[in-house]
């Protein structure tokens, strides 16, 4: 599955890898202002969702939904934002962001506003571990959905 797959350098710099799901590498943005996951299908040259195989399109939808469920469970957001823009980083990647009415970008988008804050000390490691523990429980659900 991963033959020829390389994570874009900008995604690598902006995130920490949590692990791999059946299709996607699951990343956490290094921005403590928003609980923000990024799913990157491990397909060489993938740029657009509609160019994935039908099976991979379904799998990406399942993984996106699973990521949203985990963010809802852990953070109780007012809204989950999902999107695959790709104007800056063309490698196909799906943003899944837990939003709150009191977050600094509400109600606008989180990107393009220069709003960022680094995680302190062990905060990033603790959150990454907590998220991956919750995300791992979704793997069976992703595979078993009919």
N, C-alpha and C. Protein backbone atom coordinates (compact mmCIF):
# COMPACT_ATOMS: atom_id res chain seq x y z
N UNK A 1 0.81 -1.19 0.00
CA UNK A 1 0.00 0.00 0.00
C UNK A 1 0.85 1.26 0.00
N UNK A 2 1.97 1.26 0.70
CA UNK A 2 2.74 2.48 0.88
C UNK A 2 3.85 2.66 -0.15
N UNK A 3 3.93 1.81 -1.15
CA UNK A 3 4.99 1.93 -2.13
C UNK A 3 4.94 3.31 -2.77
N UNK A 4 6.01 4.06 -2.63
CA UNK A 4 6.09 5.39 -3.22
C UNK A 4 5.42 6.47 -2.40
N UNK A 5 4.87 6.15 -1.25
CA UNK A 5 4.22 7.16 -0.40
C UNK A 5 5.27 7.89 0.41
N UNK A 6 5.27 9.21 0.29
CA UNK A 6 6.12 10.07 1.11
C UNK A 6 5.25 11.21 1.62
N UNK A 7 5.33 11.48 2.90
CA UNK A 7 4.58 12.58 3.48
C UNK A 7 5.21 13.90 3.08
N UNK A 8 4.38 14.83 2.61
CA UNK A 8 4.84 16.15 2.22
C UNK A 8 5.61 16.80 3.38
N UNK A 9 6.71 17.47 3.05
CA UNK A 9 7.57 18.07 4.07
C UNK A 9 6.83 19.11 4.92
N UNK A 10 5.90 19.84 4.33
CA UNK A 10 5.16 20.84 5.11
C UNK A 10 4.23 20.18 6.12
N UNK A 11 3.58 19.08 5.70
CA UNK A 11 2.75 18.34 6.65
C UNK A 11 3.61 17.76 7.76
N UNK A 12 4.77 17.24 7.38
CA UNK A 12 5.67 16.66 8.37
C UNK A 12 6.10 17.72 9.40
N UNK A 13 6.38 18.93 8.93
CA UNK A 13 6.85 19.99 9.83
C UNK A 13 5.74 20.50 10.75
N UNK A 14 4.50 20.49 10.27
CA UNK A 14 3.39 21.08 11.02
C UNK A 14 2.66 20.11 11.93
N UNK A 15 3.04 18.82 11.90
CA UNK A 15 2.27 17.80 12.61
C UNK A 15 3.18 16.84 13.36
N UNK A 16 2.54 16.02 14.17
CA UNK A 16 3.20 14.87 14.77
C UNK A 16 2.40 13.65 14.33
N UNK A 17 3.08 12.58 13.96
CA UNK A 17 2.41 11.36 13.53
C UNK A 17 1.87 10.61 14.73
N UNK A 18 0.57 10.27 14.66
CA UNK A 18 -0.05 9.47 15.71
C UNK A 18 0.02 7.99 15.37
N UNK A 19 -0.15 7.63 14.10
CA UNK A 19 -0.12 6.24 13.67
C UNK A 19 -0.78 6.08 12.32
N UNK A 20 -0.96 4.83 11.93
CA UNK A 20 -1.57 4.53 10.63
C UNK A 20 -2.87 3.78 10.82
N UNK A 21 -3.88 4.21 10.09
CA UNK A 21 -5.15 3.50 9.96
C UNK A 21 -5.07 2.69 8.68
N UNK A 22 -6.10 1.94 8.33
CA UNK A 22 -6.03 1.10 7.13
C UNK A 22 -5.62 1.86 5.86
N UNK A 23 -6.12 3.08 5.68
CA UNK A 23 -5.76 3.86 4.49
C UNK A 23 -4.81 5.01 4.83
N UNK A 24 -5.09 5.71 5.88
CA UNK A 24 -4.44 7.00 6.12
C UNK A 24 -3.42 6.99 7.25
N UNK A 25 -2.43 7.84 7.08
CA UNK A 25 -1.56 8.20 8.20
C UNK A 25 -2.32 9.26 8.98
N UNK A 26 -2.37 9.10 10.29
CA UNK A 26 -3.13 10.02 11.15
C UNK A 26 -2.14 10.95 11.84
N UNK A 27 -2.35 12.25 11.65
CA UNK A 27 -1.45 13.28 12.16
C UNK A 27 -2.19 14.22 13.09
N UNK A 28 -1.46 14.81 14.01
CA UNK A 28 -1.99 15.85 14.90
C UNK A 28 -1.26 17.15 14.58
N UNK A 29 -2.02 18.20 14.29
CA UNK A 29 -1.40 19.50 14.04
C UNK A 29 -0.74 20.00 15.32
N UNK A 30 0.39 20.66 15.15
CA UNK A 30 1.14 21.22 16.28
C UNK A 30 0.59 22.61 16.62
N UNK A 31 -0.71 22.68 16.87
CA UNK A 31 -1.37 23.94 17.18
C UNK A 31 -2.35 23.70 18.32
N UNK A 32 -1.99 24.13 19.50
CA UNK A 32 -2.80 23.83 20.68
C UNK A 32 -4.11 24.62 20.73
N UNK A 33 -4.33 25.55 19.81
CA UNK A 33 -5.57 26.32 19.81
C UNK A 33 -6.78 25.51 19.36
N UNK A 34 -6.52 24.44 18.60
CA UNK A 34 -7.61 23.65 18.04
C UNK A 34 -7.24 22.17 18.09
N UNK A 35 -8.12 21.30 18.60
CA UNK A 35 -7.90 19.85 18.43
C UNK A 35 -8.06 19.54 16.93
N UNK A 36 -6.97 19.15 16.26
CA UNK A 36 -6.94 19.18 14.80
C UNK A 36 -6.16 17.98 14.28
N UNK A 37 -6.90 17.07 13.68
CA UNK A 37 -6.29 15.89 13.06
C UNK A 37 -6.19 16.08 11.56
N UNK A 38 -5.22 15.43 10.96
CA UNK A 38 -5.05 15.42 9.50
C UNK A 38 -4.88 13.96 9.09
N UNK A 39 -5.70 13.52 8.13
CA UNK A 39 -5.62 12.16 7.59
C UNK A 39 -5.01 12.24 6.20
N UNK A 40 -3.94 11.49 5.98
CA UNK A 40 -3.25 11.50 4.68
C UNK A 40 -3.29 10.09 4.10
N UNK A 41 -4.10 9.88 3.05
CA UNK A 41 -4.13 8.55 2.43
C UNK A 41 -2.73 8.16 1.96
N UNK A 42 -2.33 6.95 2.32
CA UNK A 42 -0.98 6.48 1.96
C UNK A 42 -1.01 5.91 0.54
N UNK A 43 -1.25 6.79 -0.40
CA UNK A 43 -1.27 6.46 -1.82
C UNK A 43 -0.35 7.43 -2.54
N UNK A 44 0.65 6.91 -3.22
CA UNK A 44 1.60 7.75 -3.94
C UNK A 44 0.87 8.61 -4.96
N UNK A 45 1.16 9.89 -4.96
CA UNK A 45 0.61 10.81 -5.94
C UNK A 45 -0.84 11.20 -5.73
N UNK A 46 -1.46 10.80 -4.63
CA UNK A 46 -2.87 11.15 -4.40
C UNK A 46 -3.01 12.65 -4.17
N UNK A 47 -3.91 13.26 -4.95
CA UNK A 47 -4.13 14.70 -4.88
C UNK A 47 -5.61 15.02 -4.66
N UNK A 48 -6.49 14.27 -5.27
CA UNK A 48 -7.93 14.55 -5.22
C UNK A 48 -8.70 13.33 -4.72
N UNK A 49 -9.74 13.56 -3.93
CA UNK A 49 -10.56 12.47 -3.42
C UNK A 49 -11.21 11.71 -4.57
N UNK A 50 -11.74 12.44 -5.55
CA UNK A 50 -12.46 11.77 -6.65
C UNK A 50 -11.54 10.94 -7.55
N UNK A 51 -10.24 11.08 -7.38
CA UNK A 51 -9.30 10.25 -8.15
C UNK A 51 -8.84 9.01 -7.39
N UNK A 52 -9.23 8.88 -6.13
CA UNK A 52 -8.97 7.64 -5.40
C UNK A 52 -9.86 6.54 -5.98
N UNK A 53 -9.49 5.31 -5.76
CA UNK A 53 -10.37 4.21 -6.17
C UNK A 53 -11.67 4.32 -5.37
N UNK A 54 -12.76 3.77 -5.90
CA UNK A 54 -14.02 3.81 -5.14
C UNK A 54 -13.87 3.23 -3.74
N UNK A 55 -13.13 2.14 -3.60
CA UNK A 55 -12.93 1.54 -2.28
C UNK A 55 -12.18 2.49 -1.35
N UNK A 56 -11.16 3.17 -1.86
CA UNK A 56 -10.41 4.12 -1.03
C UNK A 56 -11.25 5.35 -0.69
N UNK A 57 -12.13 5.77 -1.59
CA UNK A 57 -13.03 6.88 -1.28
C UNK A 57 -13.91 6.53 -0.09
N UNK A 58 -14.44 5.32 -0.09
CA UNK A 58 -15.29 4.86 1.02
C UNK A 58 -14.46 4.79 2.30
N UNK A 59 -13.26 4.23 2.20
CA UNK A 59 -12.41 4.09 3.38
C UNK A 59 -12.03 5.46 3.96
N UNK A 60 -11.73 6.43 3.11
CA UNK A 60 -11.40 7.77 3.59
C UNK A 60 -12.60 8.39 4.30
N UNK A 61 -13.79 8.18 3.77
CA UNK A 61 -14.99 8.69 4.43
C UNK A 61 -15.18 8.04 5.80
N UNK A 62 -14.96 6.74 5.87
CA UNK A 62 -15.07 6.04 7.16
C UNK A 62 -14.04 6.55 8.16
N UNK A 63 -12.82 6.73 7.69
CA UNK A 63 -11.77 7.21 8.58
C UNK A 63 -12.04 8.64 9.05
N UNK A 64 -12.53 9.48 8.15
CA UNK A 64 -12.87 10.86 8.51
C UNK A 64 -13.97 10.87 9.57
N UNK A 65 -14.98 10.04 9.38
CA UNK A 65 -16.07 9.94 10.36
C UNK A 65 -15.57 9.43 11.70
N UNK A 66 -14.68 8.45 11.67
CA UNK A 66 -14.12 7.91 12.91
C UNK A 66 -13.30 8.97 13.64
N UNK A 67 -12.51 9.73 12.91
CA UNK A 67 -11.73 10.81 13.53
C UNK A 67 -12.66 11.84 14.17
N UNK A 68 -13.73 12.17 13.48
CA UNK A 68 -14.70 13.13 14.02
C UNK A 68 -15.35 12.60 15.29
N UNK A 69 -15.70 11.32 15.30
CA UNK A 69 -16.30 10.72 16.51
C UNK A 69 -15.35 10.82 17.70
N UNK A 70 -14.08 10.54 17.47
CA UNK A 70 -13.10 10.61 18.56
C UNK A 70 -12.97 12.05 19.06
N UNK A 71 -12.86 13.01 18.16
CA UNK A 71 -12.75 14.40 18.59
C UNK A 71 -13.99 14.84 19.37
N UNK A 72 -15.17 14.41 18.92
CA UNK A 72 -16.40 14.74 19.66
C UNK A 72 -16.37 14.14 21.06
N UNK A 73 -15.96 12.90 21.14
CA UNK A 73 -15.94 12.20 22.43
C UNK A 73 -14.94 12.85 23.41
N UNK A 74 -13.78 13.21 22.91
CA UNK A 74 -12.74 13.73 23.80
C UNK A 74 -12.87 15.22 24.10
N UNK A 75 -13.43 15.99 23.16
CA UNK A 75 -13.40 17.45 23.31
C UNK A 75 -14.76 18.13 23.37
N UNK A 76 -15.84 17.41 23.12
CA UNK A 76 -17.20 17.97 23.14
C UNK A 76 -17.28 19.32 22.41
N UNK A 77 -16.89 19.35 21.13
CA UNK A 77 -16.91 20.62 20.39
C UNK A 77 -18.34 21.04 20.04
N UNK A 78 -18.46 22.30 19.64
CA UNK A 78 -19.73 22.79 19.12
C UNK A 78 -19.93 22.36 17.68
N UNK A 79 -18.82 22.14 16.96
CA UNK A 79 -18.89 21.79 15.54
C UNK A 79 -17.61 21.07 15.16
N UNK A 80 -17.74 20.11 14.26
CA UNK A 80 -16.57 19.46 13.65
C UNK A 80 -16.44 20.01 12.24
N UNK A 81 -15.27 20.54 11.90
CA UNK A 81 -14.99 20.99 10.54
C UNK A 81 -14.16 19.93 9.84
N UNK A 82 -14.55 19.58 8.63
CA UNK A 82 -13.75 18.66 7.81
C UNK A 82 -13.53 19.31 6.45
N UNK A 83 -12.37 19.04 5.88
CA UNK A 83 -12.12 19.58 4.56
C UNK A 83 -10.80 19.11 3.98
N UNK A 84 -10.79 19.05 2.66
CA UNK A 84 -9.59 18.72 1.91
C UNK A 84 -9.41 19.82 0.87
N UNK A 85 -8.56 20.80 1.17
CA UNK A 85 -8.39 21.94 0.28
C UNK A 85 -7.27 21.69 -0.72
N UNK A 86 -6.06 21.60 -0.24
CA UNK A 86 -4.93 21.27 -1.09
C UNK A 86 -4.38 22.39 -1.93
N UNK A 87 -4.73 23.64 -1.64
CA UNK A 87 -4.19 24.74 -2.42
C UNK A 87 -2.74 25.04 -2.08
N UNK A 88 -2.34 24.82 -0.85
CA UNK A 88 -0.96 25.06 -0.43
C UNK A 88 -0.16 23.77 -0.48
N UNK A 89 -0.70 22.71 0.09
CA UNK A 89 -0.08 21.38 0.04
C UNK A 89 -0.97 20.51 -0.83
N UNK A 90 -0.49 20.15 -2.01
CA UNK A 90 -1.34 19.41 -2.95
C UNK A 90 -1.55 17.95 -2.57
N UNK A 91 -0.65 17.37 -1.78
CA UNK A 91 -0.84 15.98 -1.36
C UNK A 91 -2.19 15.86 -0.67
N UNK A 92 -2.99 14.88 -1.08
CA UNK A 92 -4.32 14.71 -0.52
C UNK A 92 -4.24 14.53 0.99
N UNK A 93 -4.96 15.37 1.70
CA UNK A 93 -5.04 15.27 3.15
C UNK A 93 -6.37 15.85 3.61
N UNK A 94 -6.95 15.21 4.61
CA UNK A 94 -8.26 15.61 5.13
C UNK A 94 -8.09 16.20 6.52
N UNK A 95 -8.52 17.44 6.68
CA UNK A 95 -8.50 18.09 7.98
C UNK A 95 -9.77 17.69 8.74
N UNK A 96 -9.63 17.37 10.01
CA UNK A 96 -10.76 17.10 10.90
C UNK A 96 -10.50 17.90 12.17
N UNK A 97 -11.31 18.93 12.39
CA UNK A 97 -11.00 19.92 13.43
C UNK A 97 -12.19 20.07 14.38
N UNK A 98 -11.92 19.97 15.66
CA UNK A 98 -12.94 20.21 16.68
C UNK A 98 -12.99 21.71 16.97
N UNK A 99 -14.14 22.32 16.72
CA UNK A 99 -14.29 23.76 16.89
C UNK A 99 -15.23 24.09 18.05
N UNK A 100 -14.94 25.19 18.69
CA UNK A 100 -15.78 25.68 19.78
C UNK A 100 -16.13 27.15 19.51
N UNK A 101 -17.29 27.53 19.97
CA UNK A 101 -17.72 28.91 19.77
C UNK A 101 -16.77 29.92 20.42
N UNK A 102 -16.01 29.47 21.41
CA UNK A 102 -15.06 30.37 22.08
C UNK A 102 -13.63 30.23 21.56
N UNK A 103 -13.42 29.50 20.44
CA UNK A 103 -12.05 29.41 19.92
C UNK A 103 -11.71 30.71 19.18
N UNK A 104 -10.43 31.03 19.05
CA UNK A 104 -10.03 32.34 18.53
C UNK A 104 -10.36 32.58 17.06
N UNK A 105 -10.73 31.57 16.31
CA UNK A 105 -11.05 31.76 14.90
C UNK A 105 -12.56 31.71 14.62
N UNK A 106 -13.34 31.34 15.62
CA UNK A 106 -14.79 31.15 15.42
C UNK A 106 -15.43 32.45 14.96
N UNK A 107 -16.32 32.42 13.99
CA UNK A 107 -16.84 31.28 13.25
C UNK A 107 -16.10 31.04 11.94
N UNK A 108 -15.01 31.74 11.73
CA UNK A 108 -14.27 31.62 10.48
C UNK A 108 -13.42 30.36 10.42
N UNK A 109 -12.72 30.18 9.29
CA UNK A 109 -11.84 29.02 9.14
C UNK A 109 -10.59 29.16 10.02
N UNK A 110 -9.97 28.03 10.32
CA UNK A 110 -8.77 28.06 11.17
C UNK A 110 -7.51 28.37 10.37
N UNK A 111 -7.51 28.09 9.08
CA UNK A 111 -6.29 28.28 8.29
C UNK A 111 -6.28 29.67 7.66
N UNK A 112 -5.08 30.12 7.35
CA UNK A 112 -4.90 31.39 6.68
C UNK A 112 -5.05 32.61 7.59
N UNK A 113 -5.13 32.40 8.89
CA UNK A 113 -5.34 33.52 9.82
C UNK A 113 -4.13 33.76 10.70
N UNK A 114 -3.14 32.89 10.62
CA UNK A 114 -1.94 33.05 11.44
C UNK A 114 -2.16 32.78 12.92
N UNK A 115 -3.22 32.04 13.24
CA UNK A 115 -3.51 31.72 14.64
C UNK A 115 -2.86 30.40 15.00
N UNK A 116 -1.85 30.47 15.84
CA UNK A 116 -1.15 29.26 16.22
C UNK A 116 -0.50 29.44 17.58
N UNK A 117 -0.47 28.36 18.33
CA UNK A 117 0.23 28.35 19.62
C UNK A 117 0.84 26.98 19.80
N UNK A 118 2.09 26.96 20.20
CA UNK A 118 2.80 25.69 20.39
C UNK A 118 2.34 25.00 21.66
N UNK A 119 2.39 23.68 21.65
CA UNK A 119 2.15 22.90 22.86
C UNK A 119 3.35 23.07 23.78
N UNK A 120 3.10 23.09 25.07
CA UNK A 120 4.18 23.24 26.04
C UNK A 120 4.63 21.90 26.60
N UNK A 121 5.91 21.83 26.94
CA UNK A 121 6.48 20.69 27.63
C UNK A 121 6.01 19.34 27.14
N UNK A 122 5.44 18.57 28.06
CA UNK A 122 4.97 17.22 27.73
C UNK A 122 3.54 17.21 27.22
N UNK A 123 2.95 18.39 27.04
CA UNK A 123 1.55 18.49 26.62
C UNK A 123 1.29 17.79 25.29
N UNK A 124 2.17 18.00 24.32
CA UNK A 124 1.99 17.39 23.00
C UNK A 124 2.05 15.87 23.08
N UNK A 125 3.03 15.34 23.79
CA UNK A 125 3.16 13.89 23.93
C UNK A 125 1.95 13.30 24.63
N UNK A 126 1.50 13.94 25.69
CA UNK A 126 0.34 13.44 26.44
C UNK A 126 -0.92 13.44 25.57
N UNK A 127 -1.13 14.53 24.82
CA UNK A 127 -2.30 14.60 23.94
C UNK A 127 -2.20 13.58 22.82
N UNK A 128 -1.02 13.45 22.23
CA UNK A 128 -0.84 12.48 21.14
C UNK A 128 -1.14 11.07 21.63
N UNK A 129 -0.65 10.71 22.81
CA UNK A 129 -0.92 9.38 23.36
C UNK A 129 -2.41 9.19 23.63
N UNK A 130 -3.05 10.19 24.21
CA UNK A 130 -4.49 10.12 24.51
C UNK A 130 -5.31 9.97 23.23
N UNK A 131 -4.97 10.76 22.23
CA UNK A 131 -5.69 10.68 20.96
C UNK A 131 -5.49 9.33 20.28
N UNK A 132 -4.24 8.87 20.20
CA UNK A 132 -3.98 7.60 19.51
C UNK A 132 -4.65 6.44 20.23
N UNK A 133 -4.67 6.46 21.55
CA UNK A 133 -5.38 5.41 22.29
C UNK A 133 -6.85 5.39 21.89
N UNK A 134 -7.47 6.55 21.78
CA UNK A 134 -8.88 6.63 21.37
C UNK A 134 -9.05 6.27 19.90
N UNK A 135 -8.15 6.73 19.06
CA UNK A 135 -8.25 6.47 17.61
C UNK A 135 -8.06 5.00 17.29
N UNK A 136 -7.20 4.32 18.02
CA UNK A 136 -6.96 2.88 17.77
C UNK A 136 -8.24 2.07 17.96
N UNK A 137 -9.09 2.50 18.86
CA UNK A 137 -10.33 1.75 19.11
C UNK A 137 -11.27 1.81 17.91
N UNK A 138 -11.05 2.74 17.01
CA UNK A 138 -11.92 2.91 15.85
C UNK A 138 -11.51 2.04 14.66
N UNK A 139 -10.33 1.44 14.70
CA UNK A 139 -9.85 0.67 13.54
C UNK A 139 -10.82 -0.46 13.19
N UNK A 140 -11.26 -1.21 14.17
CA UNK A 140 -12.20 -2.31 13.90
C UNK A 140 -13.51 -1.77 13.34
N UNK A 141 -13.96 -0.64 13.85
CA UNK A 141 -15.20 -0.03 13.36
C UNK A 141 -15.04 0.36 11.89
N UNK A 142 -13.90 0.95 11.55
CA UNK A 142 -13.64 1.36 10.17
C UNK A 142 -13.70 0.15 9.24
N UNK A 143 -13.05 -0.93 9.63
CA UNK A 143 -12.99 -2.12 8.79
C UNK A 143 -14.34 -2.83 8.69
N UNK A 144 -15.15 -2.78 9.75
CA UNK A 144 -16.39 -3.54 9.81
C UNK A 144 -17.61 -2.82 9.27
N UNK A 145 -17.50 -1.54 8.95
CA UNK A 145 -18.67 -0.81 8.46
C UNK A 145 -19.14 -1.40 7.14
N UNK A 146 -20.42 -1.53 7.02
CA UNK A 146 -21.01 -2.05 5.77
C UNK A 146 -21.82 -0.96 5.11
